[in-house]
Amino acid sequence: MPNAPRTQHRSVRISDEDWKELAARAPGGDRSAAIKELVAWYLRRPGAKLPHRPEPEGHQ
């Protein structure tokens, strides 16, 4: 089966504003990767580190 995902699709409720900003600020716009890194860190998975947190908008 082409493009068969390795993981089950999950749904979470996130405001439209936060979802849009996450896409703008996540490395490469990859919201999924940013969320997965945070979950792995939160669950204390071996080798997981707290993901890089971008600077606030407008910060120089």
C-alpha atoms as a PDB file:
ATOM      1  CA  MET A   1       0.000   0.000   0.000  1.00  0.00           C
ATOM      2  CA  PRO A   2       1.682   3.251  -1.078  1.00  0.00           C
ATOM      3  CA  ASN A   3       2.108   6.017   1.500  1.00  0.00           C
ATOM      4  CA  ALA A   4       1.015   3.757   4.360  1.00  0.00           C
ATOM      5  CA  PRO A   5       1.611   5.741   7.557  1.00  0.00           C
ATOM      6  CA  ARG A   6       3.581   4.032  10.318  1.00  0.00           C
ATOM      7  CA  THR A   7       1.464   5.558  13.080  1.00  0.00           C
ATOM      8  CA  GLN A   8      -2.222   5.985  13.770  1.00  0.00           C
ATOM      9  CA  HIS A   9      -3.735   9.389  12.977  1.00  0.00           C
ATOM     10  CA  ARG A  10      -4.658  11.323  16.151  1.00  0.00           C
ATOM     11  CA  SER A  11      -6.827  14.376  16.616  1.00  0.00           C
ATOM     12  CA  VAL A  12      -6.312  17.199  19.084  1.00  0.00           C
ATOM     13  CA  ARG A  13      -8.080  20.514  19.445  1.00  0.00           C
ATOM     14  CA  ILE A  14      -5.795  23.504  18.913  1.00  0.00           C
ATOM     15  CA  SER A  15      -6.943  27.023  18.164  1.00  0.00           C
ATOM     16  CA  ASP A  16      -6.618  28.192  14.566  1.00  0.00           C
ATOM     17  CA  GLU A  17      -4.306  30.986  15.713  1.00  0.00           C
ATOM     18  CA  ASP A  18      -1.933  28.609  17.540  1.00  0.00           C
ATOM     19  CA  TRP A  19      -1.983  26.083  14.655  1.00  0.00           C
ATOM     20  CA  LYS A  20      -1.061  28.786  12.141  1.00  0.00           C
ATOM     21  CA  GLU A  21       1.698  30.217  14.359  1.00  0.00           C
ATOM     22  CA  LEU A  22       3.106  26.733  15.014  1.00  0.00           C
ATOM     23  CA  ALA A  23       3.434  26.163  11.261  1.00  0.00           C
ATOM     24  CA  ALA A  24       5.167  29.517  10.877  1.00  0.00           C
ATOM     25  CA  ARG A  25       7.635  28.904  13.705  1.00  0.00           C
ATOM     26  CA  ALA A  26       8.311  25.145  13.604  1.00  0.00           C
ATOM     27  CA  PRO A  27      11.511  24.183  11.772  1.00  0.00           C
ATOM     28  CA  GLY A  28      10.559  23.756   8.126  1.00  0.00           C
ATOM     29  CA  GLY A  29       6.924  24.359   9.044  1.00  0.00           C
ATOM     30  CA  ASP A  30       6.734  20.763  10.295  1.00  0.00           C
ATOM     31  CA  ARG A  31       4.146  20.964  13.083  1.00  0.00           C
ATOM     32  CA  SER A  32       4.023  17.192  13.420  1.00  0.00           C
ATOM     33  CA  ALA A  33       7.753  16.911  14.134  1.00  0.00           C
ATOM     34  CA  ALA A  34       7.598  19.698  16.725  1.00  0.00           C
ATOM     35  CA  ILE A  35       4.684  18.003  18.510  1.00  0.00           C
ATOM     36  CA  LYS A  36       6.339  14.564  18.427  1.00  0.00           C
ATOM     37  CA  GLU A  37       9.580  15.974  19.900  1.00  0.00           C
ATOM     38  CA  LEU A  38       7.680  17.647  22.712  1.00  0.00           C
ATOM     39  CA  VAL A  39       5.703  14.472  23.495  1.00  0.00           C
ATOM     40  CA  ALA A  40       8.874  12.341  23.553  1.00  0.00           C
ATOM     41  CA  TRP A  41      10.520  14.803  25.941  1.00  0.00           C
ATOM     42  CA  TYR A  42       7.397  14.996  28.132  1.00  0.00           C
ATOM     43  CA  LEU A  43       7.268  11.180  28.387  1.00  0.00           C
ATOM     44  CA  ARG A  44      11.012  11.062  29.200  1.00  0.00           C
ATOM     45  CA  ARG A  45      11.845   8.807  26.280  1.00  0.00           C
ATOM     46  CA  PRO A  46      15.528   7.756  26.174  1.00  0.00           C
ATOM     47  CA  GLY A  47      17.570  10.387  24.360  1.00  0.00           C
ATOM     48  CA  ALA A  48      14.680  12.832  24.040  1.00  0.00           C
ATOM     49  CA  LYS A  49      15.566  16.449  24.655  1.00  0.00           C
ATOM     50  CA  LEU A  50      13.397  19.494  25.085  1.00  0.00           C
ATOM     51  CA  PRO A  51      12.922  20.898  21.563  1.00  0.00           C
ATOM     52  CA  HIS A  52      14.430  24.245  20.615  1.00  0.00           C
ATOM     53  CA  ARG A  53      12.028  27.030  21.443  1.00  0.00           C
ATOM     54  CA  PRO A  54      11.924  29.848  18.877  1.00  0.00           C
ATOM     55  CA  GLU A  55      12.367  33.452  19.950  1.00  0.00           C
ATOM     56  CA  PRO A  56       9.169  35.467  20.423  1.00  0.00           C
ATOM     57  CA  GLU A  57       7.942  37.266  17.326  1.00  0.00           C
ATOM     58  CA  GLY A  58       9.534  40.682  16.935  1.00  0.00           C
ATOM     59  CA  HIS A  59      12.514  39.720  19.151  1.00  0.00           C
ATOM     60  CA  GLN A  60      15.825  40.902  17.740  1.00  0.00           C
END
